[in-house]
Amino acid sequence: MKTASVNKNKNTKLFLHLKKWLEKAVLDYGMIEKGDRILIGISGGADSLALLDLLDSPMLYIPEFSFIAVNIDMGFDQAYKTYEILEGYFKENNYTYVMKKTDIGNLAHSDINKKNPCFLCSRLRRKRIFEIADAEGCNKIAFAHHRDDIIETLLINMFYGREISTMIPNQSIFGGKLHIIRPLTYLQEELIKKYSKERRFPVLKNNCPTSKISKRIYIKSLLDKLEKDNKEIRDNIFKSMSHVKPEYLLPHSRKK
């Protein structure tokens, strides 16, 4: 199956803008070191395809590294047509890749797990990714979470998890054996989507049955409404995470 043609011109104003801020994030948070082997998680959405494309570009300030693209097919598309489209894109662009067909999505949304399908889905997918990273000798895993994801996660954790926390740009796991990095930390979702259209990536449809009714969608909609009155609302929330005043937060209450 032929994939959509990709615009080969990377020297656009938008590309240079995104590349500048990607490299700044990588440098600010020490995400990539010389000789790193990075597993890039590819869902087939605009964000992950943009991340792959940007990392597969000559770097001005980031040291040399190698990477492998990895896709975990969740099994929502029983005909695996999206699997074929994405594999065609990897081959067309000569990417080293690993793809796994699974039934994780259907298991997570089965009758035995109706309460929290997103948690199980994410947990099982990450387990597979960690296994592949180990098998492929990768010491870093790059996910395509961007600035808006980080802002939304903060509010999700506050509203539903009763804690103040979010995704972090460079996260050490397994005692430092592996790091999860998020090179798109400084990039806005709107610009990433625009870049994806500019480059004509073969963006795959998200077939998850809860993708349009998730807590993240609710938070995103809420922020959109708030932004009508204050255009800087997202920017203010993002910056506030680097200006925390612990002395003005509630201490743990003493249990009687």
Protein backbone atom coordinates (compact mmCIF):
# COMPACT_ATOMS: atom_id res chain seq x y z
CA MET A 1 0.00 0.00 0.00
CA LYS A 2 1.51 3.35 -1.04
CA THR A 3 1.96 6.00 1.60
CA ALA A 4 1.22 9.69 1.16
CA SER A 5 4.03 11.58 -0.49
CA VAL A 6 6.13 13.65 1.88
CA ASN A 7 7.22 17.20 1.21
CA LYS A 8 11.02 16.94 1.14
CA ASN A 9 11.63 20.66 1.66
CA LYS A 10 12.66 21.09 5.30
CA ASN A 11 14.07 24.60 4.99
CA THR A 12 10.77 26.32 5.76
CA LYS A 13 10.28 29.01 8.37
CA LEU A 14 8.13 26.67 10.44
CA PHE A 15 10.72 23.87 10.33
CA LEU A 16 13.49 26.21 11.47
CA HIS A 17 11.31 27.49 14.31
CA LEU A 18 10.41 24.00 15.55
CA LYS A 19 13.97 22.76 15.18
CA LYS A 20 15.32 25.70 17.16
CA TRP A 21 13.01 25.02 20.10
CA LEU A 22 13.48 21.27 19.95
CA GLU A 23 17.26 21.67 20.20
CA LYS A 24 16.86 24.24 23.01
CA ALA A 25 14.71 21.81 25.02
CA VAL A 26 17.19 18.98 24.46
CA LEU A 27 20.07 21.19 25.62
CA ASP A 28 18.22 22.78 28.55
CA TYR A 29 17.31 19.41 30.03
CA GLY A 30 20.33 17.38 28.92
CA MET A 31 18.20 14.91 26.98
CA ILE A 32 20.74 13.61 24.46
CA GLU A 33 24.42 12.76 24.87
CA LYS A 34 26.98 11.60 22.34
CA GLY A 35 26.53 7.95 21.40
CA ASP A 36 22.98 7.63 22.71
CA ARG A 37 20.76 5.07 21.01
CA ILE A 38 17.21 6.37 21.11
CA LEU A 39 13.97 4.49 20.68
CA ILE A 40 11.42 6.91 19.18
CA GLY A 41 7.86 5.91 20.00
CA ILE A 42 5.66 6.29 16.91
CA SER A 43 1.88 6.09 17.26
CA GLY A 44 1.25 7.26 13.71
CA GLY A 45 -0.22 10.55 14.89
CA ALA A 46 0.97 13.99 13.81
CA ASP A 47 3.04 14.56 16.96
CA SER A 48 5.12 11.38 16.79
CA LEU A 49 5.70 11.65 13.04
CA ALA A 50 6.85 15.25 13.50
CA LEU A 51 9.22 14.16 16.29
CA LEU A 52 10.72 11.46 14.08
CA ASP A 53 11.13 13.89 11.20
CA LEU A 54 12.73 16.60 13.34
CA LEU A 55 15.16 14.22 15.02
CA ASP A 56 16.07 12.87 11.58
CA SER A 57 17.60 16.22 10.63
CA PRO A 58 21.12 17.65 10.83
CA MET A 59 21.66 18.96 14.36
CA LEU A 60 23.42 22.25 15.08
CA TYR A 61 24.16 21.78 18.78
CA ILE A 62 23.12 18.23 19.68
CA PRO A 63 25.84 15.53 19.67
CA GLU A 64 25.64 12.49 17.38
CA PHE A 65 23.15 9.77 18.26
CA SER A 66 21.39 6.87 16.57
CA PHE A 67 17.72 5.99 16.71
CA ILE A 68 15.14 3.36 15.90
CA ALA A 69 11.44 4.00 15.26
CA VAL A 70 9.05 1.73 17.20
CA ASN A 71 5.32 1.28 16.75
CA ILE A 72 3.06 -0.80 18.97
CA ASP A 73 -0.15 -1.45 17.04
CA MET A 74 -2.93 -1.55 19.63
CA GLY A 75 -5.21 -3.78 17.56
CA PHE A 76 -8.13 -1.38 17.12
CA ASP A 77 -7.87 -1.73 13.34
CA GLN A 78 -8.51 -5.45 12.89
CA ALA A 79 -7.50 -5.31 9.20
CA TYR A 80 -4.15 -3.69 10.18
CA LYS A 81 -4.46 -1.22 7.29
CA THR A 82 -2.89 1.54 9.40
CA TYR A 83 -0.04 -0.84 10.21
CA GLU A 84 0.67 -1.25 6.50
CA ILE A 85 0.55 2.51 5.84
CA LEU A 86 3.00 3.26 8.63
CA GLU A 87 5.35 0.44 7.64
CA GLY A 88 5.31 1.77 4.08
CA TYR A 89 6.31 5.21 5.37
CA PHE A 90 9.21 3.75 7.38
CA LYS A 91 10.47 1.82 4.37
CA GLU A 92 10.09 4.76 1.99
CA ASN A 93 12.23 6.92 4.26
CA ASN A 94 14.78 4.16 5.05
CA TYR A 95 14.11 4.22 8.78
CA THR A 96 15.31 1.43 11.02
CA TYR A 97 12.13 0.30 12.74
CA VAL A 98 10.36 -2.30 14.85
CA MET A 99 6.60 -2.83 14.64
CA LYS A 100 4.51 -5.10 16.84
CA LYS A 101 0.91 -6.15 16.28
CA THR A 102 -0.94 -6.53 19.59
CA ASP A 103 -4.43 -6.80 21.05
CA ILE A 104 -3.65 -4.41 23.91
CA GLY A 105 -6.35 -1.88 22.97
CA ASN A 106 -9.15 -4.41 22.85
CA LEU A 107 -8.02 -6.04 26.09
CA ALA A 108 -7.91 -2.68 27.86
CA HIS A 109 -11.44 -1.89 26.68
CA SER A 110 -12.88 -5.32 27.45
CA ASP A 111 -15.73 -5.97 29.88
CA ILE A 112 -13.29 -6.94 32.63
CA ASN A 113 -11.65 -3.50 32.53
CA LYS A 114 -14.39 -0.96 31.86
CA LYS A 115 -13.44 1.38 34.72
CA ASN A 116 -10.04 2.62 33.51
CA PRO A 117 -9.09 1.43 30.01
CA CYS A 118 -6.55 4.22 29.43
CA PHE A 119 -4.43 3.19 32.43
CA LEU A 120 -4.12 -0.46 31.38
CA CYS A 121 -3.62 0.42 27.72
CA SER A 122 -0.76 2.80 28.55
CA ARG A 123 0.82 0.39 31.02
CA LEU A 124 0.87 -2.57 28.63
CA ARG A 125 2.10 -0.46 25.71
CA ARG A 126 4.97 0.95 27.75
CA LYS A 127 5.90 -2.52 28.96
CA ARG A 128 6.34 -3.60 25.33
CA ILE A 129 8.34 -0.47 24.55
CA PHE A 130 10.68 -1.08 27.51
CA GLU A 131 11.21 -4.66 26.33
CA ILE A 132 12.06 -3.50 22.80
CA ALA A 133 14.40 -0.79 24.11
CA ASP A 134 16.30 -3.42 26.07
CA ALA A 135 16.45 -5.80 23.12
CA GLU A 136 17.65 -3.06 20.74
CA GLY A 137 20.27 -1.66 23.12
CA CYS A 138 18.55 1.71 23.53
CA ASN A 139 19.35 3.85 26.56
CA LYS A 140 16.80 6.58 25.80
CA ILE A 141 13.12 6.51 24.84
CA ALA A 142 11.75 9.60 23.10
CA PHE A 143 8.03 10.28 23.33
CA ALA A 144 6.23 13.01 21.37
CA HIS A 145 4.61 14.73 24.34
CA HIS A 146 4.58 18.47 23.72
CA ARG A 147 3.97 21.59 25.80
CA ASP A 148 0.19 21.24 25.69
CA ASP A 149 0.41 17.62 26.90
CA ILE A 150 2.50 18.71 29.87
CA ILE A 151 0.02 21.47 30.78
CA GLU A 152 -2.97 19.14 30.44
CA THR A 153 -1.31 16.42 32.51
CA LEU A 154 -0.75 18.89 35.35
CA LEU A 155 -4.47 19.70 35.44
CA ILE A 156 -5.54 16.07 35.02
CA ASN A 157 -3.40 15.07 38.00
CA MET A 158 -4.78 17.94 40.07
CA PHE A 159 -8.42 17.39 39.12
CA TYR A 160 -8.49 13.61 39.24
CA GLY A 161 -5.32 12.42 40.97
CA ARG A 162 -5.27 14.91 43.87
CA GLU A 163 -1.62 15.75 43.32
CA ILE A 164 0.51 18.44 41.69
CA SER A 165 2.65 16.66 39.11
CA THR A 166 3.13 16.35 35.37
CA MET A 167 5.36 14.82 32.68
CA ILE A 168 8.99 15.86 32.90
CA PRO A 169 11.37 16.46 29.97
CA ASN A 170 14.07 14.00 31.06
CA GLN A 171 12.96 11.18 33.34
CA SER A 172 15.32 8.57 34.76
CA ILE A 173 13.81 5.10 35.25
CA PHE A 174 15.07 1.67 36.32
CA GLY A 175 17.79 3.18 38.45
CA GLY A 176 19.15 5.32 35.62
CA LYS A 177 19.47 2.42 33.17
CA LEU A 178 16.92 4.08 30.91
CA HIS A 179 15.68 7.63 30.36
CA ILE A 180 12.39 8.85 28.92
CA ILE A 181 12.92 12.10 27.04
CA ARG A 182 10.44 14.55 25.56
CA PRO A 183 12.18 16.72 22.92
CA LEU A 184 8.92 18.51 22.00
CA THR A 185 8.59 19.97 25.53
CA TYR A 186 8.70 23.60 24.34
CA LEU A 187 6.55 23.12 21.22
CA GLN A 188 2.89 24.03 20.89
CA GLU A 189 0.48 21.40 19.61
CA GLU A 190 -0.97 23.83 17.08
CA LEU A 191 2.39 24.36 15.38
CA ILE A 192 3.21 20.65 15.37
CA LYS A 193 -0.10 19.90 13.63
CA LYS A 194 0.61 22.68 11.14
CA TYR A 195 4.05 21.24 10.44
CA SER A 196 2.56 17.79 9.93
CA LYS A 197 0.26 19.18 7.24
CA GLU A 198 3.11 21.14 5.67
CA ARG A 199 5.19 17.96 5.42
CA ARG A 200 2.19 15.86 4.34
CA PHE A 201 2.83 13.04 6.80
CA PRO A 202 0.57 9.97 6.48
CA VAL A 203 -1.16 10.72 9.80
CA LEU A 204 -3.17 7.74 10.99
CA LYS A 205 -6.64 7.96 12.47
CA ASN A 206 -6.88 7.23 16.19
CA ASN A 207 -9.33 4.32 16.40
CA CYS A 208 -9.40 4.17 20.20
CA PRO A 209 -13.08 4.16 21.31
CA THR A 210 -12.36 6.49 24.25
CA SER A 211 -10.10 8.93 22.41
CA LYS A 212 -12.89 11.53 22.03
CA ILE A 213 -14.33 11.25 25.54
CA SER A 214 -11.19 11.07 27.67
CA LYS A 215 -10.28 13.29 30.61
CA ARG A 216 -7.59 14.87 28.43
CA ILE A 217 -10.19 15.93 25.86
CA TYR A 218 -12.26 17.52 28.64
CA ILE A 219 -9.23 19.44 29.97
CA LYS A 220 -8.25 20.53 26.46
CA SER A 221 -11.77 21.86 25.87
CA LEU A 222 -11.73 23.65 29.22
CA LEU A 223 -8.44 25.37 28.38
CA ASP A 224 -9.80 26.41 24.99
CA LYS A 225 -12.72 28.14 26.74
CA LEU A 226 -10.46 29.86 29.26
CA GLU A 227 -8.17 30.99 26.46
CA LYS A 228 -11.00 33.00 24.92
CA ASP A 229 -10.74 35.41 27.85
CA ASN A 230 -6.99 35.10 28.39
CA LYS A 231 -4.85 34.15 25.40
CA GLU A 232 -1.86 33.59 27.67
CA ILE A 233 -3.56 31.01 29.90
CA ARG A 234 -1.58 28.01 28.59
CA ASP A 235 1.68 29.92 28.56
CA ASN A 236 1.08 31.10 32.14
CA ILE A 237 0.34 27.57 33.37
CA PHE A 238 3.45 26.20 31.66
CA LYS A 239 5.70 28.88 33.13
CA SER A 240 4.15 28.48 36.59
CA MET A 241 5.55 24.94 36.77
CA SER A 242 9.04 26.45 36.88
CA HIS A 243 8.05 29.07 39.48
CA VAL A 244 6.83 26.93 42.35
CA LYS A 245 6.82 28.38 45.87
CA PRO A 246 6.73 25.36 48.23
CA GLU A 247 6.41 27.63 51.26
CA TYR A 248 2.99 28.69 49.97
CA LEU A 249 1.68 25.16 49.48
CA LEU A 250 -0.16 23.17 52.13
CA PRO A 251 2.06 20.87 54.20
CA HIS A 252 1.02 17.26 54.82
CA SER A 253 -1.58 17.19 57.55
CA ARG A 254 -0.80 15.18 60.68
CA LYS A 255 -2.80 12.01 60.92
CA LYS A 256 -4.50 11.55 64.28
